[in-house]
């Protein structure tokens, strides 16, 4: 016997949703955003020595542990966004990372050199924008379409 699903708007009475262009755009955005954070996490490990030296120069306690830990936050948060699995947990991890690095590493207000001050300000403001976008993502109804959380 063939099952017939009645469609009302984007919902069907059998509990499934039809995939639409908004779902596809959201998935592409998740791939880009998740990939951005995942690449940042991989770079923490690939460039551990260099990033540890920079963190140390900024007065970060236990800089190697801090760089490794923030790399883990980026990887877990990035994969959470990419896969749509436990997205609130991933968003919290990424916000924790962004707040910590923004105020401790990209503290442009304490930099004297004008070029370094500008570079730190750009990174600080970028991170604040990313925090805003993550907070907006937290408002998206879950489970997200086309995600592991939607199984």
C-alpha atoms as a PDB file:
ATOM      1  CA  UNK A   1       0.000   0.000   0.000  1.00  0.00           C
ATOM      2  CA  UNK A   2       1.328   3.436  -0.946  1.00  0.00           C
ATOM      3  CA  UNK A   3       1.586   6.028   1.796  1.00  0.00           C
ATOM      4  CA  UNK A   4       0.278   9.468   0.905  1.00  0.00           C
ATOM      5  CA  UNK A   5       1.576  12.505   2.768  1.00  0.00           C
ATOM      6  CA  UNK A   6      -0.633  15.559   2.931  1.00  0.00           C
ATOM      7  CA  UNK A   7       1.340  18.762   2.653  1.00  0.00           C
ATOM      8  CA  UNK A   8       0.312  21.929   4.472  1.00  0.00           C
ATOM      9  CA  UNK A   9       2.710  24.756   3.707  1.00  0.00           C
ATOM     10  CA  UNK A  10       6.165  23.330   4.416  1.00  0.00           C
ATOM     11  CA  UNK A  11       4.895  20.632   6.784  1.00  0.00           C
ATOM     12  CA  UNK A  12       3.435  17.258   6.032  1.00  0.00           C
ATOM     13  CA  UNK A  13       1.011  15.360   8.210  1.00  0.00           C
ATOM     14  CA  UNK A  14       3.476  12.457   8.459  1.00  0.00           C
ATOM     15  CA  UNK A  15       5.772  14.705  10.511  1.00  0.00           C
ATOM     16  CA  UNK A  16       8.349  15.289   7.787  1.00  0.00           C
ATOM     17  CA  UNK A  17       9.168  18.623   6.158  1.00  0.00           C
ATOM     18  CA  UNK A  18       9.707  19.239   2.513  1.00  0.00           C
ATOM     19  CA  UNK A  19      13.197  20.581   1.822  1.00  0.00           C
ATOM     20  CA  UNK A  20      13.040  24.080   0.360  1.00  0.00           C
ATOM     21  CA  UNK A  21      15.492  26.744  -0.783  1.00  0.00           C
ATOM     22  CA  UNK A  22      15.686  28.284   2.712  1.00  0.00           C
ATOM     23  CA  UNK A  23      16.771  24.901   4.109  1.00  0.00           C
ATOM     24  CA  UNK A  24      19.428  24.609   1.394  1.00  0.00           C
ATOM     25  CA  UNK A  25      20.665  28.168   2.043  1.00  0.00           C
ATOM     26  CA  UNK A  26      20.791  27.445   5.790  1.00  0.00           C
ATOM     27  CA  UNK A  27      22.784  24.263   5.143  1.00  0.00           C
ATOM     28  CA  UNK A  28      25.251  26.135   2.906  1.00  0.00           C
ATOM     29  CA  UNK A  29      25.616  28.786   5.614  1.00  0.00           C
ATOM     30  CA  UNK A  30      26.246  26.072   8.214  1.00  0.00           C
ATOM     31  CA  UNK A  31      28.908  24.513   5.992  1.00  0.00           C
ATOM     32  CA  UNK A  32      30.653  27.872   5.562  1.00  0.00           C
ATOM     33  CA  UNK A  33      30.374  28.944   9.223  1.00  0.00           C
ATOM     34  CA  UNK A  34      31.185  25.513  10.631  1.00  0.00           C
ATOM     35  CA  UNK A  35      34.102  25.194   8.206  1.00  0.00           C
ATOM     36  CA  UNK A  36      35.419  28.598   9.299  1.00  0.00           C
ATOM     37  CA  UNK A  37      35.573  27.538  12.950  1.00  0.00           C
ATOM     38  CA  UNK A  38      36.870  24.036  12.124  1.00  0.00           C
ATOM     39  CA  UNK A  39      39.729  25.502  10.072  1.00  0.00           C
ATOM     40  CA  UNK A  40      40.531  27.833  12.960  1.00  0.00           C
ATOM     41  CA  UNK A  41      40.664  24.828  15.284  1.00  0.00           C
ATOM     42  CA  UNK A  42      42.961  22.884  12.963  1.00  0.00           C
ATOM     43  CA  UNK A  43      45.207  25.933  12.679  1.00  0.00           C
ATOM     44  CA  UNK A  44      45.523  26.034  16.471  1.00  0.00           C
ATOM     45  CA  UNK A  45      47.125  22.590  16.311  1.00  0.00           C
ATOM     46  CA  UNK A  46      49.038  23.066  13.066  1.00  0.00           C
ATOM     47  CA  UNK A  47      50.602  26.321  14.314  1.00  0.00           C
ATOM     48  CA  UNK A  48      50.696  25.431  17.999  1.00  0.00           C
ATOM     49  CA  UNK A  49      54.215  26.757  18.563  1.00  0.00           C
ATOM     50  CA  UNK A  50      53.612  30.093  16.870  1.00  0.00           C
ATOM     51  CA  UNK A  51      50.210  30.601  18.498  1.00  0.00           C
ATOM     52  CA  UNK A  52      51.596  29.613  21.896  1.00  0.00           C
ATOM     53  CA  UNK A  53      54.324  32.245  21.522  1.00  0.00           C
ATOM     54  CA  UNK A  54      51.765  34.896  20.590  1.00  0.00           C
ATOM     55  CA  UNK A  55      49.490  33.924  23.493  1.00  0.00           C
ATOM     56  CA  UNK A  56      52.490  34.077  25.835  1.00  0.00           C
ATOM     57  CA  UNK A  57      53.396  37.553  24.528  1.00  0.00           C
ATOM     58  CA  UNK A  58      49.848  38.660  25.411  1.00  0.00           C
ATOM     59  CA  UNK A  59      50.236  37.400  28.979  1.00  0.00           C
ATOM     60  CA  UNK A  60      48.065  34.305  28.644  1.00  0.00           C
ATOM     61  CA  UNK A  61      48.706  31.906  31.544  1.00  0.00           C
ATOM     62  CA  UNK A  62      49.715  28.377  30.452  1.00  0.00           C
ATOM     63  CA  UNK A  63      49.695  29.467  26.790  1.00  0.00           C
ATOM     64  CA  UNK A  64      50.209  25.998  25.270  1.00  0.00           C
ATOM     65  CA  UNK A  65      47.285  24.621  27.278  1.00  0.00           C
ATOM     66  CA  UNK A  66      45.184  27.671  26.383  1.00  0.00           C
ATOM     67  CA  UNK A  67      45.895  27.347  22.648  1.00  0.00           C
ATOM     68  CA  UNK A  68      45.184  23.606  22.736  1.00  0.00           C
ATOM     69  CA  UNK A  69      41.985  24.134  24.717  1.00  0.00           C
ATOM     70  CA  UNK A  70      40.728  26.865  22.427  1.00  0.00           C
ATOM     71  CA  UNK A  71      41.530  24.660  19.444  1.00  0.00           C
ATOM     72  CA  UNK A  72      39.274  21.991  20.931  1.00  0.00           C
ATOM     73  CA  UNK A  73      36.503  24.572  21.521  1.00  0.00           C
ATOM     74  CA  UNK A  74      36.737  25.652  17.875  1.00  0.00           C
ATOM     75  CA  UNK A  75      36.657  22.092  16.541  1.00  0.00           C
ATOM     76  CA  UNK A  76      33.732  20.970  18.707  1.00  0.00           C
ATOM     77  CA  UNK A  77      31.751  24.144  18.095  1.00  0.00           C
ATOM     78  CA  UNK A  78      32.500  24.136  14.368  1.00  0.00           C
ATOM     79  CA  UNK A  79      31.444  20.514  13.903  1.00  0.00           C
ATOM     80  CA  UNK A  80      28.311  21.162  15.951  1.00  0.00           C
ATOM     81  CA  UNK A  81      27.285  23.967  13.577  1.00  0.00           C
ATOM     82  CA  UNK A  82      28.271  22.020  10.473  1.00  0.00           C
ATOM     83  CA  UNK A  83      26.357  18.896  11.458  1.00  0.00           C
ATOM     84  CA  UNK A  84      23.531  20.617  13.322  1.00  0.00           C
ATOM     85  CA  UNK A  85      24.128  18.261  16.243  1.00  0.00           C
ATOM     86  CA  UNK A  86      23.544  19.846  19.662  1.00  0.00           C
ATOM     87  CA  UNK A  87      23.836  23.337  18.129  1.00  0.00           C
ATOM     88  CA  UNK A  88      23.221  25.193  21.402  1.00  0.00           C
ATOM     89  CA  UNK A  89      26.185  23.412  22.997  1.00  0.00           C
ATOM     90  CA  UNK A  90      28.323  24.280  19.962  1.00  0.00           C
ATOM     91  CA  UNK A  91      27.175  27.901  20.030  1.00  0.00           C
ATOM     92  CA  UNK A  92      28.044  28.202  23.732  1.00  0.00           C
ATOM     93  CA  UNK A  93      31.510  26.705  23.126  1.00  0.00           C
ATOM     94  CA  UNK A  94      32.174  29.153  20.297  1.00  0.00           C
ATOM     95  CA  UNK A  95      30.934  32.154  22.292  1.00  0.00           C
ATOM     96  CA  UNK A  96      33.165  31.145  25.227  1.00  0.00           C
ATOM     97  CA  UNK A  97      36.112  30.965  22.812  1.00  0.00           C
ATOM     98  CA  UNK A  98      35.289  34.289  21.139  1.00  0.00           C
ATOM     99  CA  UNK A  99      34.800  36.176  24.404  1.00  0.00           C
ATOM    100  CA  UNK A 100      38.031  34.853  25.873  1.00  0.00           C
ATOM    101  CA  UNK A 101      40.171  35.510  22.832  1.00  0.00           C
ATOM    102  CA  UNK A 102      38.599  38.891  22.084  1.00  0.00           C
ATOM    103  CA  UNK A 103      39.224  40.451  25.483  1.00  0.00           C
ATOM    104  CA  UNK A 104      42.520  38.712  26.266  1.00  0.00           C
ATOM    105  CA  UNK A 105      44.273  38.485  22.891  1.00  0.00           C
ATOM    106  CA  UNK A 106      42.658  41.142  20.693  1.00  0.00           C
ATOM    107  CA  UNK A 107      42.630  43.860  23.373  1.00  0.00           C
ATOM    108  CA  UNK A 108      43.387  46.680  20.919  1.00  0.00           C
ATOM    109  CA  UNK A 109      42.861  49.358  23.595  1.00  0.00           C
ATOM    110  CA  UNK A 110      46.133  48.349  25.250  1.00  0.00           C
ATOM    111  CA  UNK A 111      48.268  48.247  22.056  1.00  0.00           C
ATOM    112  CA  UNK A 112      50.574  51.188  21.360  1.00  0.00           C
ATOM    113  CA  UNK A 113      51.753  50.434  17.785  1.00  0.00           C
ATOM    114  CA  UNK A 114      49.143  51.929  15.376  1.00  0.00           C
ATOM    115  CA  UNK A 115      49.301  49.075  12.842  1.00  0.00           C
ATOM    116  CA  UNK A 116      49.020  46.365  15.514  1.00  0.00           C
ATOM    117  CA  UNK A 117      46.264  48.348  17.220  1.00  0.00           C
ATOM    118  CA  UNK A 118      44.297  48.397  13.948  1.00  0.00           C
ATOM    119  CA  UNK A 119      44.844  44.666  13.352  1.00  0.00           C
ATOM    120  CA  UNK A 120      43.693  43.815  16.875  1.00  0.00           C
ATOM    121  CA  UNK A 121      40.676  46.112  16.569  1.00  0.00           C
ATOM    122  CA  UNK A 122      39.635  44.426  13.305  1.00  0.00           C
ATOM    123  CA  UNK A 123      39.854  40.994  14.950  1.00  0.00           C
ATOM    124  CA  UNK A 124      38.054  42.179  18.084  1.00  0.00           C
ATOM    125  CA  UNK A 125      35.172  43.673  16.075  1.00  0.00           C
ATOM    126  CA  UNK A 126      34.982  40.609  13.802  1.00  0.00           C
ATOM    127  CA  UNK A 127      34.656  38.427  16.876  1.00  0.00           C
ATOM    128  CA  UNK A 128      31.907  40.635  18.307  1.00  0.00           C
ATOM    129  CA  UNK A 129      30.036  40.306  15.000  1.00  0.00           C
ATOM    130  CA  UNK A 130      30.468  36.521  15.100  1.00  0.00           C
ATOM    131  CA  UNK A 131      29.096  36.448  18.650  1.00  0.00           C
ATOM    132  CA  UNK A 132      26.042  38.376  17.435  1.00  0.00           C
ATOM    133  CA  UNK A 133      25.497  35.915  14.607  1.00  0.00           C
ATOM    134  CA  UNK A 134      25.894  32.946  16.959  1.00  0.00           C
ATOM    135  CA  UNK A 135      23.310  34.455  19.304  1.00  0.00           C
ATOM    136  CA  UNK A 136      20.967  34.813  16.336  1.00  0.00           C
ATOM    137  CA  UNK A 137      21.589  31.160  15.410  1.00  0.00           C
ATOM    138  CA  UNK A 138      20.581  30.178  18.938  1.00  0.00           C
ATOM    139  CA  UNK A 139      17.124  31.549  18.126  1.00  0.00           C
ATOM    140  CA  UNK A 140      16.592  29.197  15.180  1.00  0.00           C
ATOM    141  CA  UNK A 141      14.080  26.500  16.037  1.00  0.00           C
ATOM    142  CA  UNK A 142      15.585  23.085  16.578  1.00  0.00           C
ATOM    143  CA  UNK A 143      16.065  20.544  15.261  1.00  0.00           C
ATOM    144  CA  UNK A 144      17.661  22.333  12.351  1.00  0.00           C
ATOM    145  CA  UNK A 145      16.662  21.151   8.898  1.00  0.00           C
ATOM    146  CA  UNK A 146      19.070  18.796   7.129  1.00  0.00           C
ATOM    147  CA  UNK A 147      21.001  18.098  10.332  1.00  0.00           C
ATOM    148  CA  UNK A 148      22.005  15.179  12.513  1.00  0.00           C
ATOM    149  CA  UNK A 149      19.755  16.654  15.165  1.00  0.00           C
ATOM    150  CA  UNK A 150      16.801  16.181  12.822  1.00  0.00           C
ATOM    151  CA  UNK A 151      16.850  12.380  12.838  1.00  0.00           C
END
